[in-house]
């Protein structure tokens, strides 16, 4: 499997798991709790595959950076949570950092 595809799967699974964690209400709701466990298992397994070819610093920067943005979007859509201008600017800087890391850093080369 392509490492970048596996990283995308890891990110998506982590976003699903974190969203389900909110919906599980402290693991008091069964199906959201099951989704948390399964999603995190998929996320970490996929991330373990990624780390065979992509340096850990790069993989984690992309995973956490994009995860923050996607979790914020999921929280807005699913739970009606809002973010202010400073938060939007911060997320823009995170995305910019991930892009710089991947487009210009030699550390991203594998």
PDB file of N, CA and C in Angstrom:
ATOM      1  N   UNK A   1       0.856  -1.184   0.000  1.00  0.00           N
ATOM      2  CA  UNK A   1       0.000   0.000   0.000  1.00  0.00           C
ATOM      3  C   UNK A   1       0.894   1.236   0.000  1.00  0.00           C
ATOM      4  N   UNK A   2       0.484   2.238  -0.758  1.00  0.00           N
ATOM      5  CA  UNK A   2       1.178   3.511  -0.792  1.00  0.00           C
ATOM      6  C   UNK A   2       1.179   4.133   0.602  1.00  0.00           C
ATOM      7  N   UNK A   3       2.349   4.611   1.039  1.00  0.00           N
ATOM      8  CA  UNK A   3       2.482   5.167   2.389  1.00  0.00           C
ATOM      9  C   UNK A   3       1.602   6.389   2.599  1.00  0.00           C
ATOM     10  N   UNK A   4       1.472   7.233   1.576  1.00  0.00           N
ATOM     11  CA  UNK A   4       0.646   8.437   1.730  1.00  0.00           C
ATOM     12  C   UNK A   4      -0.840   8.089   1.801  1.00  0.00           C
ATOM     13  N   UNK A   5      -1.239   7.045   1.090  1.00  0.00           N
ATOM     14  CA  UNK A   5      -2.615   6.563   1.201  1.00  0.00           C
ATOM     15  C   UNK A   5      -2.861   6.004   2.600  1.00  0.00           C
ATOM     16  N   UNK A   6      -1.904   5.227   3.096  1.00  0.00           N
ATOM     17  CA  UNK A   6      -2.025   4.690   4.456  1.00  0.00           C
ATOM     18  C   UNK A   6      -2.091   5.819   5.483  1.00  0.00           C
ATOM     19  N   UNK A   7      -1.343   6.897   5.257  1.00  0.00           N
ATOM     20  CA  UNK A   7      -1.392   8.039   6.164  1.00  0.00           C
ATOM     21  C   UNK A   7      -2.773   8.701   6.108  1.00  0.00           C
ATOM     22  N   UNK A   8      -3.340   8.805   4.913  1.00  0.00           N
ATOM     23  CA  UNK A   8      -4.696   9.346   4.774  1.00  0.00           C
ATOM     24  C   UNK A   8      -5.715   8.500   5.527  1.00  0.00           C
ATOM     25  N   UNK A   9      -5.560   7.179   5.446  1.00  0.00           N
ATOM     26  CA  UNK A   9      -6.451   6.272   6.180  1.00  0.00           C
ATOM     27  C   UNK A   9      -6.276   6.466   7.680  1.00  0.00           C
ATOM     28  N   UNK A  10      -5.031   6.593   8.117  1.00  0.00           N
ATOM     29  CA  UNK A  10      -4.757   6.801   9.545  1.00  0.00           C
ATOM     30  C   UNK A  10      -5.400   8.097  10.039  1.00  0.00           C
ATOM     31  N   UNK A  11      -5.281   9.139   9.257  1.00  0.00           N
ATOM     32  CA  UNK A  11      -5.857  10.436   9.635  1.00  0.00           C
ATOM     33  C   UNK A  11      -7.378  10.335   9.685  1.00  0.00           C
ATOM     34  N   UNK A  12      -7.974   9.755   8.658  1.00  0.00           N
ATOM     35  CA  UNK A  12      -9.439   9.625   8.626  1.00  0.00           C
ATOM     36  C   UNK A  12      -9.942   8.790   9.794  1.00  0.00           C
ATOM     37  N   UNK A  13      -9.259   7.698  10.085  1.00  0.00           N
ATOM     38  CA  UNK A  13      -9.680   6.832  11.193  1.00  0.00           C
ATOM     39  C   UNK A  13      -9.556   7.567  12.529  1.00  0.00           C
ATOM     40  N   UNK A  14      -8.509   8.358  12.684  1.00  0.00           N
ATOM     41  CA  UNK A  14      -8.323   9.109  13.921  1.00  0.00           C
ATOM     42  C   UNK A  14      -9.412  10.166  14.087  1.00  0.00           C
ATOM     43  N   UNK A  15      -9.776  10.827  13.004  1.00  0.00           N
ATOM     44  CA  UNK A  15     -10.848  11.829  13.054  1.00  0.00           C
ATOM     45  C   UNK A  15     -12.178  11.159  13.404  1.00  0.00           C
ATOM     46  N   UNK A  16     -12.454  10.026  12.799  1.00  0.00           N
ATOM     47  CA  UNK A  16     -13.683   9.279  13.115  1.00  0.00           C
ATOM     48  C   UNK A  16     -13.669   8.845  14.579  1.00  0.00           C
ATOM     49  N   UNK A  17     -12.538   8.310  15.030  1.00  0.00           N
ATOM     50  CA  UNK A  17     -12.437   7.856  16.415  1.00  0.00           C
ATOM     51  C   UNK A  17     -12.610   8.978  17.416  1.00  0.00           C
ATOM     52  N   UNK A  18     -12.009  10.131  17.136  1.00  0.00           N
ATOM     53  CA  UNK A  18     -12.132  11.262  18.054  1.00  0.00           C
ATOM     54  C   UNK A  18     -13.557  11.808  18.061  1.00  0.00           C
ATOM     55  N   UNK A  19     -14.188  11.846  16.912  1.00  0.00           N
ATOM     56  CA  UNK A  19     -15.586  12.284  16.854  1.00  0.00           C
ATOM     57  C   UNK A  19     -16.489  11.309  17.608  1.00  0.00           C
ATOM     58  N   UNK A  20     -16.219  10.023  17.450  1.00  0.00           N
ATOM     59  CA  UNK A  20     -16.998   9.016  18.173  1.00  0.00           C
ATOM     60  C   UNK A  20     -16.738   9.087  19.675  1.00  0.00           C
ATOM     61  N   UNK A  21     -15.529   9.491  20.052  1.00  0.00           N
ATOM     62  CA  UNK A  21     -15.214   9.638  21.474  1.00  0.00           C
ATOM     63  C   UNK A  21     -16.120  10.682  22.115  1.00  0.00           C
ATOM     64  N   UNK A  22     -16.334  11.777  21.413  1.00  0.00           N
ATOM     65  CA  UNK A  22     -17.270  12.797  21.902  1.00  0.00           C
ATOM     66  C   UNK A  22     -18.679  12.203  21.998  1.00  0.00           C
ATOM     67  N   UNK A  23     -19.075  11.471  20.964  1.00  0.00           N
ATOM     68  CA  UNK A  23     -20.426  10.891  20.933  1.00  0.00           C
ATOM     69  C   UNK A  23     -20.606   9.762  21.944  1.00  0.00           C
ATOM     70  N   UNK A  24     -19.517   9.157  22.404  1.00  0.00           N
ATOM     71  CA  UNK A  24     -19.628   8.049  23.355  1.00  0.00           C
ATOM     72  C   UNK A  24     -20.004   8.519  24.754  1.00  0.00           C
ATOM     73  N   UNK A  25     -19.886   9.811  24.998  1.00  0.00           N
ATOM     74  CA  UNK A  25     -20.224  10.403  26.303  1.00  0.00           C
ATOM     75  C   UNK A  25     -19.519   9.636  27.428  1.00  0.00           C
ATOM     76  N   UNK A  26     -18.181   9.669  27.362  1.00  0.00           N
ATOM     77  CA  UNK A  26     -17.400   9.010  28.404  1.00  0.00           C
ATOM     78  C   UNK A  26     -17.520   7.503  28.385  1.00  0.00           C
ATOM     79  N   UNK A  27     -17.644   6.928  27.211  1.00  0.00           N
ATOM     80  CA  UNK A  27     -17.799   5.481  27.024  1.00  0.00           C
ATOM     81  C   UNK A  27     -19.059   4.934  27.691  1.00  0.00           C
ATOM     82  N   UNK A  28     -20.094   5.755  27.752  1.00  0.00           N
ATOM     83  CA  UNK A  28     -21.369   5.282  28.310  1.00  0.00           C
ATOM     84  C   UNK A  28     -22.342   4.853  27.221  1.00  0.00           C
ATOM     85  N   UNK A  29     -22.028   5.135  25.960  1.00  0.00           N
ATOM     86  CA  UNK A  29     -22.867   4.700  24.835  1.00  0.00           C
ATOM     87  C   UNK A  29     -22.093   3.631  24.067  1.00  0.00           C
ATOM     88  N   UNK A  30     -22.730   2.467  23.895  1.00  0.00           N
ATOM     89  CA  UNK A  30     -22.048   1.286  23.386  1.00  0.00           C
ATOM     90  C   UNK A  30     -21.475   1.463  21.973  1.00  0.00           C
ATOM     91  N   UNK A  31     -22.314   1.762  20.981  1.00  0.00           N
ATOM     92  CA  UNK A  31     -21.844   1.778  19.594  1.00  0.00           C
ATOM     93  C   UNK A  31     -20.824   2.868  19.318  1.00  0.00           C
ATOM     94  N   UNK A  32     -21.007   4.074  19.815  1.00  0.00           N
ATOM     95  CA  UNK A  32     -19.924   5.047  19.637  1.00  0.00           C
ATOM     96  C   UNK A  32     -18.618   4.597  20.303  1.00  0.00           C
ATOM     97  N   UNK A  33     -18.722   3.906  21.441  1.00  0.00           N
ATOM     98  CA  UNK A  33     -17.527   3.398  22.127  1.00  0.00           C
ATOM     99  C   UNK A  33     -16.823   2.340  21.285  1.00  0.00           C
ATOM    100  N   UNK A  34     -17.590   1.458  20.670  1.00  0.00           N
ATOM    101  CA  UNK A  34     -17.015   0.447  19.775  1.00  0.00           C
ATOM    102  C   UNK A  34     -16.317   1.139  18.602  1.00  0.00           C
ATOM    103  N   UNK A  35     -16.953   2.147  18.047  1.00  0.00           N
ATOM    104  CA  UNK A  35     -16.366   2.881  16.926  1.00  0.00           C
ATOM    105  C   UNK A  35     -15.051   3.556  17.326  1.00  0.00           C
ATOM    106  N   UNK A  36     -14.973   4.059  18.544  1.00  0.00           N
ATOM    107  CA  UNK A  36     -13.724   4.652  19.039  1.00  0.00           C
ATOM    108  C   UNK A  36     -12.599   3.618  18.996  1.00  0.00           C
ATOM    109  N   UNK A  37     -12.842   2.461  19.579  1.00  0.00           N
ATOM    110  CA  UNK A  37     -11.808   1.433  19.677  1.00  0.00           C
ATOM    111  C   UNK A  37     -11.380   0.950  18.292  1.00  0.00           C
ATOM    112  N   UNK A  38     -12.345   0.667  17.432  1.00  0.00           N
ATOM    113  CA  UNK A  38     -12.031   0.184  16.083  1.00  0.00           C
ATOM    114  C   UNK A  38     -11.297   1.257  15.279  1.00  0.00           C
ATOM    115  N   UNK A  39     -11.758   2.483  15.359  1.00  0.00           N
ATOM    116  CA  UNK A  39     -11.137   3.567  14.591  1.00  0.00           C
ATOM    117  C   UNK A  39      -9.698   3.809  15.026  1.00  0.00           C
ATOM    118  N   UNK A  40      -9.463   3.835  16.335  1.00  0.00           N
ATOM    119  CA  UNK A  40      -8.092   4.043  16.800  1.00  0.00           C
ATOM    120  C   UNK A  40      -7.199   2.860  16.454  1.00  0.00           C
ATOM    121  N   UNK A  41      -7.734   1.649  16.473  1.00  0.00           N
ATOM    122  CA  UNK A  41      -6.944   0.484  16.059  1.00  0.00           C
ATOM    123  C   UNK A  41      -6.533   0.614  14.597  1.00  0.00           C
ATOM    124  N   UNK A  42      -7.462   1.014  13.741  1.00  0.00           N
ATOM    125  CA  UNK A  42      -7.153   1.216  12.323  1.00  0.00           C
ATOM    126  C   UNK A  42      -6.142   2.352  12.165  1.00  0.00           C
ATOM    127  N   UNK A  43      -6.345   3.430  12.901  1.00  0.00           N
ATOM    128  CA  UNK A  43      -5.445   4.582  12.799  1.00  0.00           C
ATOM    129  C   UNK A  43      -4.008   4.201  13.159  1.00  0.00           C
ATOM    130  N   UNK A  44      -3.832   3.528  14.282  1.00  0.00           N
ATOM    131  CA  UNK A  44      -2.473   3.196  14.711  1.00  0.00           C
ATOM    132  C   UNK A  44      -1.846   2.104  13.856  1.00  0.00           C
ATOM    133  N   UNK A  45      -2.639   1.158  13.392  1.00  0.00           N
ATOM    134  CA  UNK A  45      -2.103   0.141  12.491  1.00  0.00           C
ATOM    135  C   UNK A  45      -1.648   0.799  11.186  1.00  0.00           C
ATOM    136  N   UNK A  46      -2.490   1.668  10.633  1.00  0.00           N
ATOM    137  CA  UNK A  46      -2.125   2.362   9.395  1.00  0.00           C
ATOM    138  C   UNK A  46      -0.885   3.224   9.601  1.00  0.00           C
ATOM    139  N   UNK A  47      -0.820   3.912  10.731  1.00  0.00           N
ATOM    140  CA  UNK A  47       0.347   4.736  11.010  1.00  0.00           C
ATOM    141  C   UNK A  47       1.605   3.869  11.119  1.00  0.00           C
ATOM    142  N   UNK A  48       1.477   2.677  11.676  1.00  0.00           N
ATOM    143  CA  UNK A  48       2.644   1.791  11.771  1.00  0.00           C
ATOM    144  C   UNK A  48       3.154   1.404  10.386  1.00  0.00           C
ATOM    145  N   UNK A  49       2.245   1.237   9.429  1.00  0.00           N
ATOM    146  CA  UNK A  49       2.658   0.950   8.053  1.00  0.00           C
ATOM    147  C   UNK A  49       3.355   2.149   7.420  1.00  0.00           C
ATOM    148  N   UNK A  50       2.825   3.332   7.697  1.00  0.00           N
ATOM    149  CA  UNK A  50       3.393   4.570   7.169  1.00  0.00           C
ATOM    150  C   UNK A  50       4.847   4.725   7.609  1.00  0.00           C
ATOM    151  N   UNK A  51       5.112   4.397   8.868  1.00  0.00           N
ATOM    152  CA  UNK A  51       6.436   4.635   9.439  1.00  0.00           C
ATOM    153  C   UNK A  51       7.512   3.717   8.873  1.00  0.00           C
ATOM    154  N   UNK A  52       7.119   2.748   8.052  1.00  0.00           N
ATOM    155  CA  UNK A  52       8.109   1.917   7.364  1.00  0.00           C
ATOM    156  C   UNK A  52       8.838   2.712   6.296  1.00  0.00           C
ATOM    157  N   UNK A  53       8.167   3.749   5.737  1.00  0.00           N
ATOM    158  CA  UNK A  53       8.785   4.482   4.624  1.00  0.00           C
ATOM    159  C   UNK A  53       8.858   6.002   4.827  1.00  0.00           C
ATOM    160  N   UNK A  54       7.958   6.570   5.584  1.00  0.00           N
ATOM    161  CA  UNK A  54       7.966   8.021   5.807  1.00  0.00           C
ATOM    162  C   UNK A  54       8.582   8.284   7.179  1.00  0.00           C
ATOM    163  N   UNK A  55       9.528   9.226   7.272  1.00  0.00           N
ATOM    164  CA  UNK A  55      10.133   9.524   8.573  1.00  0.00           C
ATOM    165  C   UNK A  55       9.073   9.890   9.618  1.00  0.00           C
ATOM    166  N   UNK A  56       9.301   9.455  10.852  1.00  0.00           N
ATOM    167  CA  UNK A  56       8.305   9.628  11.907  1.00  0.00           C
ATOM    168  C   UNK A  56       7.957  11.100  12.129  1.00  0.00           C
ATOM    169  N   UNK A  57       8.927  11.988  12.068  1.00  0.00           N
ATOM    170  CA  UNK A  57       8.650  13.408  12.278  1.00  0.00           C
ATOM    171  C   UNK A  57       7.726  13.972  11.218  1.00  0.00           C
ATOM    172  N   UNK A  58       7.950  13.577   9.984  1.00  0.00           N
ATOM    173  CA  UNK A  58       7.110  14.044   8.881  1.00  0.00           C
ATOM    174  C   UNK A  58       5.719  13.444   8.989  1.00  0.00           C
ATOM    175  N   UNK A  59       5.653  12.138   9.203  1.00  0.00           N
ATOM    176  CA  UNK A  59       4.349  11.462   9.297  1.00  0.00           C
ATOM    177  C   UNK A  59       3.524  12.042  10.435  1.00  0.00           C
ATOM    178  N   UNK A  60       4.143  12.246  11.587  1.00  0.00           N
ATOM    179  CA  UNK A  60       3.398  12.748  12.729  1.00  0.00           C
ATOM    180  C   UNK A  60       2.974  14.198  12.519  1.00  0.00           C
ATOM    181  N   UNK A  61       3.824  14.993  11.881  1.00  0.00           N
ATOM    182  CA  UNK A  61       3.453  16.382  11.603  1.00  0.00           C
ATOM    183  C   UNK A  61       2.233  16.446  10.689  1.00  0.00           C
ATOM    184  N   UNK A  62       2.237  15.639   9.654  1.00  0.00           N
ATOM    185  CA  UNK A  62       1.100  15.614   8.730  1.00  0.00           C
ATOM    186  C   UNK A  62      -0.134  15.071   9.432  1.00  0.00           C
ATOM    187  N   UNK A  63       0.021  13.962  10.171  1.00  0.00           N
ATOM    188  CA  UNK A  63      -1.104  13.333  10.863  1.00  0.00           C
ATOM    189  C   UNK A  63      -1.727  14.292  11.865  1.00  0.00           C
ATOM    190  N   UNK A  64      -0.918  14.868  12.714  1.00  0.00           N
ATOM    191  CA  UNK A  64      -1.481  15.745  13.751  1.00  0.00           C
ATOM    192  C   UNK A  64      -1.981  17.056  13.161  1.00  0.00           C
ATOM    193  N   UNK A  65      -1.257  17.620  12.201  1.00  0.00           N
ATOM    194  CA  UNK A  65      -1.683  18.888  11.607  1.00  0.00           C
ATOM    195  C   UNK A  65      -3.015  18.779  10.880  1.00  0.00           C
ATOM    196  N   UNK A  66      -3.102  17.814   9.985  1.00  0.00           N
ATOM    197  CA  UNK A  66      -4.355  17.638   9.251  1.00  0.00           C
ATOM    198  C   UNK A  66      -5.458  17.128  10.168  1.00  0.00           C
ATOM    199  N   UNK A  67      -5.076  16.320  11.154  1.00  0.00           N
ATOM    200  CA  UNK A  67      -6.064  15.834  12.124  1.00  0.00           C
ATOM    201  C   UNK A  67      -6.717  16.970  12.888  1.00  0.00           C
ATOM    202  N   UNK A  68      -5.924  17.962  13.302  1.00  0.00           N
ATOM    203  CA  UNK A  68      -6.464  19.121  14.023  1.00  0.00           C
ATOM    204  C   UNK A  68      -7.494  19.844  13.169  1.00  0.00           C
ATOM    205  N   UNK A  69      -7.150  20.088  11.930  1.00  0.00           N
ATOM    206  CA  UNK A  69      -8.060  20.802  11.033  1.00  0.00           C
ATOM    207  C   UNK A  69      -9.329  19.991  10.788  1.00  0.00           C
ATOM    208  N   UNK A  70      -9.176  18.707  10.507  1.00  0.00           N
ATOM    209  CA  UNK A  70     -10.345  17.871  10.213  1.00  0.00           C
ATOM    210  C   UNK A  70     -11.224  17.651  11.437  1.00  0.00           C
ATOM    211  N   UNK A  71     -10.615  17.512  12.614  1.00  0.00           N
ATOM    212  CA  UNK A  71     -11.408  17.375  13.845  1.00  0.00           C
ATOM    213  C   UNK A  71     -12.205  18.645  14.096  1.00  0.00           C
ATOM    214  N   UNK A  72     -11.594  19.784  13.846  1.00  0.00           N
ATOM    215  CA  UNK A  72     -12.304  21.048  14.033  1.00  0.00           C
ATOM    216  C   UNK A  72     -13.485  21.143  13.077  1.00  0.00           C
ATOM    217  N   UNK A  73     -13.285  20.734  11.836  1.00  0.00           N
ATOM    218  CA  UNK A  73     -14.389  20.729  10.867  1.00  0.00           C
ATOM    219  C   UNK A  73     -15.473  19.736  11.282  1.00  0.00           C
ATOM    220  N   UNK A  74     -15.076  18.557  11.734  1.00  0.00           N
ATOM    221  CA  UNK A  74     -16.053  17.555  12.182  1.00  0.00           C
ATOM    222  C   UNK A  74     -16.834  18.065  13.382  1.00  0.00           C
ATOM    223  N   UNK A  75     -16.149  18.730  14.314  1.00  0.00           N
ATOM    224  CA  UNK A  75     -16.829  19.272  15.496  1.00  0.00           C
ATOM    225  C   UNK A  75     -17.843  20.342  15.094  1.00  0.00           C
ATOM    226  N   UNK A  76     -17.507  21.121  14.086  1.00  0.00           N
ATOM    227  CA  UNK A  76     -18.427  22.138  13.598  1.00  0.00           C
ATOM    228  C   UNK A  76     -19.658  21.488  12.965  1.00  0.00           C
ATOM    229  N   UNK A  77     -19.437  20.511  12.095  1.00  0.00           N
ATOM    230  CA  UNK A  77     -20.535  19.867  11.368  1.00  0.00           C
ATOM    231  C   UNK A  77     -21.384  18.983  12.282  1.00  0.00           C
ATOM    232  N   UNK A  78     -20.736  18.162  13.101  1.00  0.00           N
ATOM    233  CA  UNK A  78     -21.460  17.167  13.897  1.00  0.00           C
ATOM    234  C   UNK A  78     -22.003  17.697  15.222  1.00  0.00           C
ATOM    235  N   UNK A  79     -21.259  18.620  15.832  1.00  0.00           N
ATOM    236  CA  UNK A  79     -21.618  19.041  17.183  1.00  0.00           C
ATOM    237  C   UNK A  79     -21.900  20.535  17.313  1.00  0.00           C
ATOM    238  N   UNK A  80     -21.855  21.256  16.192  1.00  0.00           N
ATOM    239  CA  UNK A  80     -22.167  22.682  16.209  1.00  0.00           C
ATOM    240  C   UNK A  80     -21.148  23.542  16.939  1.00  0.00           C
ATOM    241  N   UNK A  81     -19.943  23.032  17.131  1.00  0.00           N
ATOM    242  CA  UNK A  81     -18.912  23.811  17.811  1.00  0.00           C
ATOM    243  C   UNK A  81     -18.374  24.878  16.874  1.00  0.00           C
ATOM    244  N   UNK A  82     -18.089  26.032  17.416  1.00  0.00           N
ATOM    245  CA  UNK A  82     -17.610  27.173  16.627  1.00  0.00           C
ATOM    246  C   UNK A  82     -16.129  27.414  16.895  1.00  0.00           C
ATOM    247  N   UNK A  83     -15.495  28.078  15.955  1.00  0.00           N
ATOM    248  CA  UNK A  83     -14.102  28.487  16.122  1.00  0.00           C
ATOM    249  C   UNK A  83     -13.998  29.956  15.748  1.00  0.00           C
ATOM    250  N   UNK A  84     -13.188  30.688  16.485  1.00  0.00           N
ATOM    251  CA  UNK A  84     -13.063  32.116  16.236  1.00  0.00           C
ATOM    252  C   UNK A  84     -11.980  32.398  15.193  1.00  0.00           C
ATOM    253  N   UNK A  85     -11.799  33.671  14.894  1.00  0.00           N
ATOM    254  CA  UNK A  85     -10.844  34.084  13.862  1.00  0.00           C
ATOM    255  C   UNK A  85      -9.423  33.647  14.205  1.00  0.00           C
ATOM    256  N   UNK A  86      -9.032  33.805  15.460  1.00  0.00           N
ATOM    257  CA  UNK A  86      -7.685  33.391  15.859  1.00  0.00           C
ATOM    258  C   UNK A  86      -7.493  31.890  15.637  1.00  0.00           C
ATOM    259  N   UNK A  87      -8.526  31.106  15.924  1.00  0.00           N
ATOM    260  CA  UNK A  87      -8.454  29.666  15.691  1.00  0.00           C
ATOM    261  C   UNK A  87      -8.312  29.336  14.216  1.00  0.00           C
ATOM    262  N   UNK A  88      -9.050  30.044  13.386  1.00  0.00           N
ATOM    263  CA  UNK A  88      -8.946  29.827  11.936  1.00  0.00           C
ATOM    264  C   UNK A  88      -7.561  30.187  11.419  1.00  0.00           C
ATOM    265  N   UNK A  89      -7.020  31.285  11.917  1.00  0.00           N
ATOM    266  CA  UNK A  89      -5.669  31.688  11.511  1.00  0.00           C
ATOM    267  C   UNK A  89      -4.662  30.639  11.954  1.00  0.00           C
ATOM    268  N   UNK A  90      -4.799  30.161  13.182  1.00  0.00           N
ATOM    269  CA  UNK A  90      -3.900  29.126  13.688  1.00  0.00           C
ATOM    270  C   UNK A  90      -3.952  27.861  12.854  1.00  0.00           C
ATOM    271  N   UNK A  91      -5.153  27.457  12.479  1.00  0.00           N
ATOM    272  CA  UNK A  91      -5.274  26.264  11.638  1.00  0.00           C
ATOM    273  C   UNK A  91      -4.667  26.500  10.265  1.00  0.00           C
ATOM    274  N   UNK A  92      -4.823  27.707   9.746  1.00  0.00           N
ATOM    275  CA  UNK A  92      -4.179  28.041   8.467  1.00  0.00           C
ATOM    276  C   UNK A  92      -2.666  27.929   8.561  1.00  0.00           C
ATOM    277  N   UNK A  93      -2.117  28.365   9.681  1.00  0.00           N
ATOM    278  CA  UNK A  93      -0.674  28.257   9.888  1.00  0.00           C
ATOM    279  C   UNK A  93      -0.236  26.796   9.997  1.00  0.00           C
ATOM    280  N   UNK A  94      -1.063  25.973  10.623  1.00  0.00           N
ATOM    281  CA  UNK A  94      -0.759  24.545  10.712  1.00  0.00           C
ATOM    282  C   UNK A  94      -0.716  23.926   9.322  1.00  0.00           C
ATOM    283  N   UNK A  95      -1.722  24.215   8.520  1.00  0.00           N
ATOM    284  CA  UNK A  95      -1.755  23.684   7.145  1.00  0.00           C
ATOM    285  C   UNK A  95      -0.553  24.194   6.357  1.00  0.00           C
ATOM    286  N   UNK A  96      -0.221  25.489   6.524  1.00  0.00           N
ATOM    287  CA  UNK A  96       0.949  26.043   5.840  1.00  0.00           C
ATOM    288  C   UNK A  96       2.216  25.308   6.267  1.00  0.00           C
ATOM    289  N   UNK A  97       2.345  25.013   7.547  1.00  0.00           N
ATOM    290  CA  UNK A  97       3.511  24.288   8.040  1.00  0.00           C
ATOM    291  C   UNK A  97       3.615  22.894   7.454  1.00  0.00           C
ATOM    292  N   UNK A  98       2.496  22.206   7.364  1.00  0.00           N
ATOM    293  CA  UNK A  98       2.490  20.863   6.768  1.00  0.00           C
ATOM    294  C   UNK A  98       2.891  20.946   5.295  1.00  0.00           C
ATOM    295  N   UNK A  99       2.379  21.940   4.592  1.00  0.00           N
ATOM    296  CA  UNK A  99       2.737  22.108   3.176  1.00  0.00           C
ATOM    297  C   UNK A  99       4.218  22.416   3.005  1.00  0.00           C
ATOM    298  N   UNK A 100       4.759  23.315   3.809  1.00  0.00           N
ATOM    299  CA  UNK A 100       6.179  23.646   3.731  1.00  0.00           C
ATOM    300  C   UNK A 100       7.023  22.401   4.004  1.00  0.00           C
ATOM    301  N   UNK A 101       6.648  21.662   5.028  1.00  0.00           N
ATOM    302  CA  UNK A 101       7.382  20.447   5.376  1.00  0.00           C
ATOM    303  C   UNK A 101       7.405  19.473   4.203  1.00  0.00           C
ATOM    304  N   UNK A 102       6.261  19.284   3.571  1.00  0.00           N
ATOM    305  CA  UNK A 102       6.174  18.303   2.493  1.00  0.00           C
ATOM    306  C   UNK A 102       6.696  18.785   1.167  1.00  0.00           C
ATOM    307  N   UNK A 103       6.582  20.074   0.888  1.00  0.00           N
ATOM    308  CA  UNK A 103       7.005  20.574  -0.417  1.00  0.00           C
ATOM    309  C   UNK A 103       8.470  21.009  -0.462  1.00  0.00           C
ATOM    310  N   UNK A 104       8.991  21.474   0.648  1.00  0.00           N
ATOM    311  CA  UNK A 104      10.327  22.081   0.617  1.00  0.00           C
ATOM    312  C   UNK A 104      11.371  21.418   1.507  1.00  0.00           C
ATOM    313  N   UNK A 105      10.971  20.624   2.471  1.00  0.00           N
ATOM    314  CA  UNK A 105      11.934  20.030   3.404  1.00  0.00           C
ATOM    315  C   UNK A 105      12.519  18.754   2.834  1.00  0.00           C
ATOM    316  N   UNK A 106      13.814  18.599   2.998  1.00  0.00           N
ATOM    317  CA  UNK A 106      14.464  17.351   2.599  1.00  0.00           C
ATOM    318  C   UNK A 106      14.104  16.215   3.531  1.00  0.00           C
ATOM    319  N   UNK A 107      13.586  16.540   4.725  1.00  0.00           N
ATOM    320  CA  UNK A 107      13.191  15.501   5.677  1.00  0.00           C
ATOM    321  C   UNK A 107      12.004  14.696   5.158  1.00  0.00           C
ATOM    322  N   UNK A 108      11.197  15.296   4.277  1.00  0.00           N
ATOM    323  CA  UNK A 108      10.014  14.615   3.751  1.00  0.00           C
ATOM    324  C   UNK A 108      10.385  13.589   2.673  1.00  0.00           C
ATOM    325  N   UNK A 109      11.579  13.695   2.134  1.00  0.00           N
ATOM    326  CA  UNK A 109      11.993  12.744   1.093  1.00  0.00           C
ATOM    327  C   UNK A 109      12.211  11.375   1.711  1.00  0.00           C
ATOM    328  N   UNK A 110      11.792  10.351   0.987  1.00  0.00           N
ATOM    329  CA  UNK A 110      11.996   8.997   1.508  1.00  0.00           C
ATOM    330  C   UNK A 110      12.681   8.201   0.508  1.00  0.00           C
TER     331      UNK A 110
END
